[in-house]
Amino acid sequence: MGKRKSRAKPLPKKKMDKLDTIFRCPFCSHSSSVECRIDMKNLVGEATCRICQESFSTTVTSLTEPIDIYSEWIDECERVNNEDEDDDA
């Protein structure tokens, strides 16, 4: 006796949405002014604001995306602001 064929259809593959590469500046609050670039040759990632010319650089790996660089910049800004508040108190 043979088995019956399954009527289940294969699930369609989900497409991944592209992540942003342009973000809001944490200093001047202009939207779409921070651009993140990754230099894999030198393993450096840089986020730069076109309006106020603020920039942030960090080391990257092969898995790093522009959102990772921007997130590190925001985390660093928050860390510095918290240190300033602790010094004032």
PDB file of N, CA and C in Angstrom:
ATOM      1  N   MET A   1       0.829  -1.176   0.000  1.00  0.00           N
ATOM      2  CA  MET A   1       0.000   0.000   0.000  1.00  0.00           C
ATOM      3  C   MET A   1       0.878   1.246   0.000  1.00  0.00           C
ATOM      4  N   GLY A   2       0.480   2.192  -0.828  1.00  0.00           N
ATOM      5  CA  GLY A   2       1.230   3.434  -0.916  1.00  0.00           C
ATOM      6  C   GLY A   2       0.601   4.533  -0.066  1.00  0.00           C
ATOM      7  N   LYS A   3       1.401   5.539   0.247  1.00  0.00           N
ATOM      8  CA  LYS A   3       0.893   6.671   1.025  1.00  0.00           C
ATOM      9  C   LYS A   3       0.166   7.637   0.100  1.00  0.00           C
ATOM     10  N   ARG A   4      -0.773   8.368   0.652  1.00  0.00           N
ATOM     11  CA  ARG A   4      -1.473   9.385  -0.121  1.00  0.00           C
ATOM     12  C   ARG A   4      -0.639  10.658  -0.125  1.00  0.00           C
ATOM     13  N   LYS A   5      -0.747  11.409  -1.203  1.00  0.00           N
ATOM     14  CA  LYS A   5       0.003  12.663  -1.302  1.00  0.00           C
ATOM     15  C   LYS A   5      -0.635  13.722  -0.412  1.00  0.00           C
ATOM     16  N   SER A   6       0.206  14.534   0.180  1.00  0.00           N
ATOM     17  CA  SER A   6      -0.259  15.622   1.024  1.00  0.00           C
ATOM     18  C   SER A   6      -0.815  16.737   0.154  1.00  0.00           C
ATOM     19  N   ARG A   7      -1.893  17.361   0.602  1.00  0.00           N
ATOM     20  CA  ARG A   7      -2.489  18.462  -0.143  1.00  0.00           C
ATOM     21  C   ARG A   7      -1.950  19.819   0.318  1.00  0.00           C
ATOM     22  N   ALA A   8      -1.088  19.823   1.296  1.00  0.00           N
ATOM     23  CA  ALA A   8      -0.541  21.079   1.814  1.00  0.00           C
ATOM     24  C   ALA A   8       0.373  21.711   0.782  1.00  0.00           C
ATOM     25  N   LYS A   9       0.155  23.002   0.565  1.00  0.00           N
ATOM     26  CA  LYS A   9       0.992  23.740  -0.377  1.00  0.00           C
ATOM     27  C   LYS A   9       2.200  24.294   0.374  1.00  0.00           C
ATOM     28  N   PRO A  10       3.336  24.428  -0.303  1.00  0.00           N
ATOM     29  CA  PRO A  10       4.487  25.022   0.370  1.00  0.00           C
ATOM     30  C   PRO A  10       4.214  26.492   0.700  1.00  0.00           C
ATOM     31  N   LEU A  11       4.710  26.922   1.864  1.00  0.00           N
ATOM     32  CA  LEU A  11       4.505  28.300   2.295  1.00  0.00           C
ATOM     33  C   LEU A  11       5.312  29.251   1.422  1.00  0.00           C
ATOM     34  N   PRO A  12       4.748  30.419   1.089  1.00  0.00           N
ATOM     35  CA  PRO A  12       5.511  31.396   0.308  1.00  0.00           C
ATOM     36  C   PRO A  12       6.619  32.007   1.172  1.00  0.00           C
ATOM     37  N   LYS A  13       7.730  32.339   0.542  1.00  0.00           N
ATOM     38  CA  LYS A  13       8.852  32.945   1.270  1.00  0.00           C
ATOM     39  C   LYS A  13       8.546  34.410   1.557  1.00  0.00           C
ATOM     40  N   LYS A  14       8.854  34.827   2.776  1.00  0.00           N
ATOM     41  CA  LYS A  14       8.630  36.214   3.162  1.00  0.00           C
ATOM     42  C   LYS A  14       9.834  37.055   2.752  1.00  0.00           C
ATOM     43  N   LYS A  15       9.553  38.203   2.179  1.00  0.00           N
ATOM     44  CA  LYS A  15      10.635  39.115   1.805  1.00  0.00           C
ATOM     45  C   LYS A  15      10.971  39.998   2.993  1.00  0.00           C
ATOM     46  N   MET A  16      12.262  40.192   3.216  1.00  0.00           N
ATOM     47  CA  MET A  16      12.717  41.057   4.292  1.00  0.00           C
ATOM     48  C   MET A  16      12.663  42.501   3.825  1.00  0.00           C
ATOM     49  N   ASP A  17      12.171  43.388   4.696  1.00  0.00           N
ATOM     50  CA  ASP A  17      12.169  44.803   4.381  1.00  0.00           C
ATOM     51  C   ASP A  17      13.585  45.345   4.484  1.00  0.00           C
ATOM     52  N   LYS A  18      13.918  46.292   3.626  1.00  0.00           N
ATOM     53  CA  LYS A  18      15.231  46.931   3.670  1.00  0.00           C
ATOM     54  C   LYS A  18      15.296  47.847   4.895  1.00  0.00           C
ATOM     55  N   LEU A  19      16.442  47.862   5.553  1.00  0.00           N
ATOM     56  CA  LEU A  19      16.643  48.747   6.688  1.00  0.00           C
ATOM     57  C   LEU A  19      17.053  50.124   6.195  1.00  0.00           C
ATOM     58  N   ASP A  20      16.706  51.148   6.970  1.00  0.00           N
ATOM     59  CA  ASP A  20      17.043  52.517   6.592  1.00  0.00           C
ATOM     60  C   ASP A  20      18.544  52.754   6.645  1.00  0.00           C
ATOM     61  N   THR A  21      19.009  53.706   5.838  1.00  0.00           N
ATOM     62  CA  THR A  21      20.408  54.131   5.884  1.00  0.00           C
ATOM     63  C   THR A  21      20.503  55.624   6.184  1.00  0.00           C
ATOM     64  N   ILE A  22      19.372  56.322   6.242  1.00  0.00           N
ATOM     65  CA  ILE A  22      19.336  57.756   6.541  1.00  0.00           C
ATOM     66  C   ILE A  22      18.429  57.958   7.743  1.00  0.00           C
ATOM     67  N   PHE A  23      18.923  58.759   8.726  1.00  0.00           N
ATOM     68  CA  PHE A  23      18.240  58.865  10.010  1.00  0.00           C
ATOM     69  C   PHE A  23      18.122  60.314  10.464  1.00  0.00           C
ATOM     70  N   ARG A  24      17.466  60.519  11.629  1.00  0.00           N
ATOM     71  CA  ARG A  24      17.305  61.835  12.252  1.00  0.00           C
ATOM     72  C   ARG A  24      18.542  62.150  13.095  1.00  0.00           C
ATOM     73  N   CYS A  25      19.002  63.393  13.020  1.00  0.00           N
ATOM     74  CA  CYS A  25      20.195  63.805  13.770  1.00  0.00           C
ATOM     75  C   CYS A  25      19.847  64.004  15.246  1.00  0.00           C
ATOM     76  N   PRO A  26      20.651  63.452  16.171  1.00  0.00           N
ATOM     77  CA  PRO A  26      20.373  63.639  17.593  1.00  0.00           C
ATOM     78  C   PRO A  26      20.742  65.035  18.096  1.00  0.00           C
ATOM     79  N   PHE A  27      21.499  65.805  17.321  1.00  0.00           N
ATOM     80  CA  PHE A  27      21.927  67.130  17.753  1.00  0.00           C
ATOM     81  C   PHE A  27      21.030  68.237  17.204  1.00  0.00           C
ATOM     82  N   CYS A  28      20.779  68.240  15.894  1.00  0.00           N
ATOM     83  CA  CYS A  28      19.970  69.313  15.298  1.00  0.00           C
ATOM     84  C   CYS A  28      18.536  68.881  15.018  1.00  0.00           C
ATOM     85  N   SER A  29      18.203  67.618  15.209  1.00  0.00           N
ATOM     86  CA  SER A  29      16.856  67.054  15.049  1.00  0.00           C
ATOM     87  C   SER A  29      16.277  67.200  13.651  1.00  0.00           C
ATOM     88  N   HIS A  30      17.108  67.378  12.648  1.00  0.00           N
ATOM     89  CA  HIS A  30      16.610  67.379  11.274  1.00  0.00           C
ATOM     90  C   HIS A  30      16.373  65.933  10.847  1.00  0.00           C
ATOM     91  N   SER A  31      15.223  65.691  10.252  1.00  0.00           N
ATOM     92  CA  SER A  31      14.952  64.337   9.787  1.00  0.00           C
ATOM     93  C   SER A  31      15.679  64.095   8.472  1.00  0.00           C
ATOM     94  N   SER A  32      16.081  62.904   8.254  1.00  0.00           N
ATOM     95  CA  SER A  32      16.768  62.480   7.021  1.00  0.00           C
ATOM     96  C   SER A  32      18.036  63.273   6.750  1.00  0.00           C
ATOM     97  N   SER A  33      18.796  63.563   7.787  1.00  0.00           N
ATOM     98  CA  SER A  33      20.028  64.323   7.585  1.00  0.00           C
ATOM     99  C   SER A  33      21.278  63.516   7.930  1.00  0.00           C
ATOM    100  N   VAL A  34      21.149  62.416   8.644  1.00  0.00           N
ATOM    101  CA  VAL A  34      22.298  61.597   9.021  1.00  0.00           C
ATOM    102  C   VAL A  34      22.430  60.439   8.048  1.00  0.00           C
ATOM    103  N   GLU A  35      23.597  60.353   7.436  1.00  0.00           N
ATOM    104  CA  GLU A  35      23.866  59.271   6.495  1.00  0.00           C
ATOM    105  C   GLU A  35      24.964  58.392   7.078  1.00  0.00           C
ATOM    106  N   CYS A  36      24.767  57.095   7.021  1.00  0.00           N
ATOM    107  CA  CYS A  36      25.735  56.141   7.544  1.00  0.00           C
ATOM    108  C   CYS A  36      26.475  55.476   6.394  1.00  0.00           C
ATOM    109  N   ARG A  37      27.799  55.451   6.490  1.00  0.00           N
ATOM    110  CA  ARG A  37      28.635  54.795   5.482  1.00  0.00           C
ATOM    111  C   ARG A  37      29.516  53.768   6.174  1.00  0.00           C
ATOM    112  N   ILE A  38      29.722  52.654   5.486  1.00  0.00           N
ATOM    113  CA  ILE A  38      30.559  51.583   6.025  1.00  0.00           C
ATOM    114  C   ILE A  38      31.721  51.360   5.072  1.00  0.00           C
ATOM    115  N   ASP A  39      32.936  51.452   5.608  1.00  0.00           N
ATOM    116  CA  ASP A  39      34.150  51.184   4.833  1.00  0.00           C
ATOM    117  C   ASP A  39      34.691  49.831   5.293  1.00  0.00           C
ATOM    118  N   MET A  40      34.364  48.787   4.526  1.00  0.00           N
ATOM    119  CA  MET A  40      34.773  47.434   4.913  1.00  0.00           C
ATOM    120  C   MET A  40      36.280  47.224   4.725  1.00  0.00           C
ATOM    121  N   LYS A  41      36.904  48.029   3.872  1.00  0.00           N
ATOM    122  CA  LYS A  41      38.342  47.898   3.649  1.00  0.00           C
ATOM    123  C   LYS A  41      39.117  48.244   4.923  1.00  0.00           C
ATOM    124  N   ASN A  42      38.689  49.326   5.597  1.00  0.00           N
ATOM    125  CA  ASN A  42      39.362  49.775   6.819  1.00  0.00           C
ATOM    126  C   ASN A  42      38.590  49.392   8.083  1.00  0.00           C
ATOM    127  N   LEU A  43      37.440  48.696   7.926  1.00  0.00           N
ATOM    128  CA  LEU A  43      36.592  48.279   9.046  1.00  0.00           C
ATOM    129  C   LEU A  43      36.163  49.459   9.919  1.00  0.00           C
ATOM    130  N   VAL A  44      35.701  50.540   9.249  1.00  0.00           N
ATOM    131  CA  VAL A  44      35.242  51.737   9.940  1.00  0.00           C
ATOM    132  C   VAL A  44      33.850  52.089   9.442  1.00  0.00           C
ATOM    133  N   GLY A  45      32.967  52.416  10.373  1.00  0.00           N
ATOM    134  CA  GLY A  45      31.640  52.898  10.032  1.00  0.00           C
ATOM    135  C   GLY A  45      31.510  54.327  10.501  1.00  0.00           C
ATOM    136  N   GLU A  46      30.884  55.195   9.684  1.00  0.00           N
ATOM    137  CA  GLU A  46      30.778  56.602  10.026  1.00  0.00           C
ATOM    138  C   GLU A  46      29.359  57.087   9.791  1.00  0.00           C
ATOM    139  N   ALA A  47      28.824  57.823  10.753  1.00  0.00           N
ATOM    140  CA  ALA A  47      27.524  58.478  10.634  1.00  0.00           C
ATOM    141  C   ALA A  47      27.783  59.974  10.663  1.00  0.00           C
ATOM    142  N   THR A  48      27.282  60.703   9.652  1.00  0.00           N
ATOM    143  CA  THR A  48      27.546  62.130   9.527  1.00  0.00           C
ATOM    144  C   THR A  48      26.250  62.871   9.226  1.00  0.00           C
ATOM    145  N   CYS A  49      26.041  64.004   9.913  1.00  0.00           N
ATOM    146  CA  CYS A  49      24.889  64.860   9.659  1.00  0.00           C
ATOM    147  C   CYS A  49      25.254  65.881   8.587  1.00  0.00           C
ATOM    148  N   ARG A  50      24.397  66.017   7.575  1.00  0.00           N
ATOM    149  CA  ARG A  50      24.660  66.966   6.497  1.00  0.00           C
ATOM    150  C   ARG A  50      24.368  68.399   6.917  1.00  0.00           C
ATOM    151  N   ILE A  51      23.551  68.604   7.960  1.00  0.00           N
ATOM    152  CA  ILE A  51      23.140  69.940   8.373  1.00  0.00           C
ATOM    153  C   ILE A  51      24.140  70.550   9.360  1.00  0.00           C
ATOM    154  N   CYS A  52      24.371  69.866  10.473  1.00  0.00           N
ATOM    155  CA  CYS A  52      25.228  70.437  11.531  1.00  0.00           C
ATOM    156  C   CYS A  52      26.649  69.882  11.510  1.00  0.00           C
ATOM    157  N   GLN A  53      26.966  68.980  10.585  1.00  0.00           N
ATOM    158  CA  GLN A  53      28.309  68.425  10.398  1.00  0.00           C
ATOM    159  C   GLN A  53      28.821  67.597  11.572  1.00  0.00           C
ATOM    160  N   GLU A  54      27.933  67.189  12.479  1.00  0.00           N
ATOM    161  CA  GLU A  54      28.345  66.280  13.547  1.00  0.00           C
ATOM    162  C   GLU A  54      28.609  64.902  12.945  1.00  0.00           C
ATOM    163  N   SER A  55      29.564  64.180  13.535  1.00  0.00           N
ATOM    164  CA  SER A  55      29.867  62.853  13.004  1.00  0.00           C
ATOM    165  C   SER A  55      30.251  61.907  14.136  1.00  0.00           C
ATOM    166  N   PHE A  56      30.177  60.630  13.825  1.00  0.00           N
ATOM    167  CA  PHE A  56      30.518  59.580  14.770  1.00  0.00           C
ATOM    168  C   PHE A  56      31.151  58.446  13.984  1.00  0.00           C
ATOM    169  N   SER A  57      32.257  57.919  14.483  1.00  0.00           N
ATOM    170  CA  SER A  57      32.939  56.793  13.835  1.00  0.00           C
ATOM    171  C   SER A  57      33.073  55.641  14.818  1.00  0.00           C
ATOM    172  N   THR A  58      33.019  54.436  14.288  1.00  0.00           N
ATOM    173  CA  THR A  58      33.156  53.245  15.113  1.00  0.00           C
ATOM    174  C   THR A  58      33.722  52.120  14.269  1.00  0.00           C
ATOM    175  N   THR A  59      34.209  51.094  14.941  1.00  0.00           N
ATOM    176  CA  THR A  59      34.701  49.930  14.216  1.00  0.00           C
ATOM    177  C   THR A  59      33.519  49.046  13.836  1.00  0.00           C
ATOM    178  N   VAL A  60      33.653  48.338  12.720  1.00  0.00           N
ATOM    179  CA  VAL A  60      32.563  47.500  12.223  1.00  0.00           C
ATOM    180  C   VAL A  60      33.064  46.094  11.949  1.00  0.00           C
ATOM    181  N   THR A  61      32.107  45.181  11.783  1.00  0.00           N
ATOM    182  CA  THR A  61      32.396  43.815  11.377  1.00  0.00           C
ATOM    183  C   THR A  61      31.648  43.544  10.078  1.00  0.00           C
ATOM    184  N   SER A  62      31.762  42.358   9.578  1.00  0.00           N
ATOM    185  CA  SER A  62      31.085  42.022   8.335  1.00  0.00           C
ATOM    186  C   SER A  62      29.567  41.969   8.506  1.00  0.00           C
ATOM    187  N   LEU A  63      29.078  41.866   9.729  1.00  0.00           N
ATOM    188  CA  LEU A  63      27.646  41.796   9.996  1.00  0.00           C
ATOM    189  C   LEU A  63      27.019  43.149  10.311  1.00  0.00           C
ATOM    190  N   THR A  64      27.808  44.197  10.416  1.00  0.00           N
ATOM    191  CA  THR A  64      27.316  45.513  10.799  1.00  0.00           C
ATOM    192  C   THR A  64      26.483  46.132   9.686  1.00  0.00           C
ATOM    193  N   GLU A  65      25.360  46.741  10.079  1.00  0.00           N
ATOM    194  CA  GLU A  65      24.471  47.460   9.170  1.00  0.00           C
ATOM    195  C   GLU A  65      24.469  48.934   9.568  1.00  0.00           C
ATOM    196  N   PRO A  66      24.001  49.829   8.687  1.00  0.00           N
ATOM    197  CA  PRO A  66      23.956  51.252   9.033  1.00  0.00           C
ATOM    198  C   PRO A  66      23.151  51.555  10.296  1.00  0.00           C
ATOM    199  N   ILE A  67      22.070  50.819  10.537  1.00  0.00           N
ATOM    200  CA  ILE A  67      21.270  51.045  11.741  1.00  0.00           C
ATOM    201  C   ILE A  67      22.082  50.755  13.002  1.00  0.00           C
ATOM    202  N   ASP A  68      23.030  49.827  12.928  1.00  0.00           N
ATOM    203  CA  ASP A  68      23.879  49.505  14.074  1.00  0.00           C
ATOM    204  C   ASP A  68      24.790  50.684  14.414  1.00  0.00           C
ATOM    205  N   ILE A  69      25.331  51.327  13.397  1.00  0.00           N
ATOM    206  CA  ILE A  69      26.210  52.484  13.608  1.00  0.00           C
ATOM    207  C   ILE A  69      25.417  53.622  14.249  1.00  0.00           C
ATOM    208  N   TYR A  70      24.224  53.897  13.703  1.00  0.00           N
ATOM    209  CA  TYR A  70      23.379  54.962  14.242  1.00  0.00           C
ATOM    210  C   TYR A  70      22.984  54.653  15.688  1.00  0.00           C
ATOM    211  N   SER A  71      22.642  53.412  15.983  1.00  0.00           N
ATOM    212  CA  SER A  71      22.256  53.028  17.344  1.00  0.00           C
ATOM    213  C   SER A  71      23.413  53.208  18.324  1.00  0.00           C
ATOM    214  N   GLU A  72      24.622  52.861  17.894  1.00  0.00           N
ATOM    215  CA  GLU A  72      25.790  53.073  18.759  1.00  0.00           C
ATOM    216  C   GLU A  72      26.000  54.558  19.031  1.00  0.00           C
ATOM    217  N   TRP A  73      25.760  55.411  18.035  1.00  0.00           N
ATOM    218  CA  TRP A  73      25.907  56.854  18.196  1.00  0.00           C
ATOM    219  C   TRP A  73      24.897  57.363  19.225  1.00  0.00           C
ATOM    220  N   ILE A  74      23.646  56.935  19.117  1.00  0.00           N
ATOM    221  CA  ILE A  74      22.611  57.350  20.059  1.00  0.00           C
ATOM    222  C   ILE A  74      22.958  56.868  21.469  1.00  0.00           C
ATOM    223  N   ASP A  75      23.410  55.625  21.600  1.00  0.00           N
ATOM    224  CA  ASP A  75      23.800  55.092  22.908  1.00  0.00           C
ATOM    225  C   ASP A  75      24.959  55.887  23.505  1.00  0.00           C
ATOM    226  N   GLU A  76      25.920  56.257  22.679  1.00  0.00           N
ATOM    227  CA  GLU A  76      27.070  57.041  23.156  1.00  0.00           C
ATOM    228  C   GLU A  76      26.618  58.432  23.613  1.00  0.00           C
ATOM    229  N   CYS A  77      25.709  59.055  22.881  1.00  0.00           N
ATOM    230  CA  CYS A  77      25.177  60.364  23.281  1.00  0.00           C
ATOM    231  C   CYS A  77      24.475  60.274  24.633  1.00  0.00           C
ATOM    232  N   GLU A  78      23.667  59.233  24.823  1.00  0.00           N
ATOM    233  CA  GLU A  78      22.974  59.056  26.091  1.00  0.00           C
ATOM    234  C   GLU A  78      23.950  58.799  27.228  1.00  0.00           C
ATOM    235  N   ARG A  79      25.007  58.027  26.960  1.00  0.00           N
ATOM    236  CA  ARG A  79      26.002  57.740  27.998  1.00  0.00           C
ATOM    237  C   ARG A  79      26.709  59.018  28.429  1.00  0.00           C
ATOM    238  N   VAL A  80      27.079  59.860  27.462  1.00  0.00           N
ATOM    239  CA  VAL A  80      27.768  61.112  27.779  1.00  0.00           C
ATOM    240  C   VAL A  80      26.836  62.055  28.543  1.00  0.00           C
ATOM    241  N   ASN A  81      25.571  62.128  28.145  1.00  0.00           N
ATOM    242  CA  ASN A  81      24.611  62.984  28.842  1.00  0.00           C
ATOM    243  C   ASN A  81      24.395  62.514  30.273  1.00  0.00           C
ATOM    244  N   ASN A  82      24.353  61.217  30.508  1.00  0.00           N
ATOM    245  CA  ASN A  82      24.180  60.701  31.855  1.00  0.00           C
ATOM    246  C   ASN A  82      25.397  60.972  32.718  1.00  0.00           C
ATOM    247  N   GLU A  83      26.593  60.937  32.141  1.00  0.00           N
ATOM    248  CA  GLU A  83      27.802  61.267  32.901  1.00  0.00           C
ATOM    249  C   GLU A  83      27.796  62.725  33.308  1.00  0.00           C
ATOM    250  N   ASP A  84      27.343  63.616  32.418  1.00  0.00           N
ATOM    251  CA  ASP A  84      27.279  65.044  32.738  1.00  0.00           C
ATOM    252  C   ASP A  84      26.293  65.301  33.859  1.00  0.00           C
ATOM    253  N   GLU A  85      25.155  64.625  33.859  1.00  0.00           N
ATOM    254  CA  GLU A  85      24.165  64.789  34.911  1.00  0.00           C
ATOM    255  C   GLU A  85      24.700  64.289  36.244  1.00  0.00           C
ATOM    256  N   ASP A  86      25.455  63.195  36.233  1.00  0.00           N
ATOM    257  CA  ASP A  86      26.026  62.662  37.461  1.00  0.00           C
ATOM    258  C   ASP A  86      27.083  63.599  38.028  1.00  0.00           C
ATOM    259  N   ASP A  87      27.855  64.274  37.167  1.00  0.00           N
ATOM    260  CA  ASP A  87      28.875  65.205  37.631  1.00  0.00           C
ATOM    261  C   ASP A  87      28.249  66.454  38.251  1.00  0.00           C
ATOM    262  N   ASP A  88      27.091  66.896  37.738  1.00  0.00           N
ATOM    263  CA  ASP A  88      26.435  68.083  38.252  1.00  0.00           C
ATOM    264  C   ASP A  88      25.773  67.839  39.598  1.00  0.00           C
ATOM    265  N   ALA A  89      25.368  66.630  39.874  1.00  0.00           N
ATOM    266  CA  ALA A  89      24.627  66.319  41.116  1.00  0.00           C
ATOM    267  C   ALA A  89      25.532  66.186  42.294  1.00  0.00           C
TER     268      ALA A  89
END
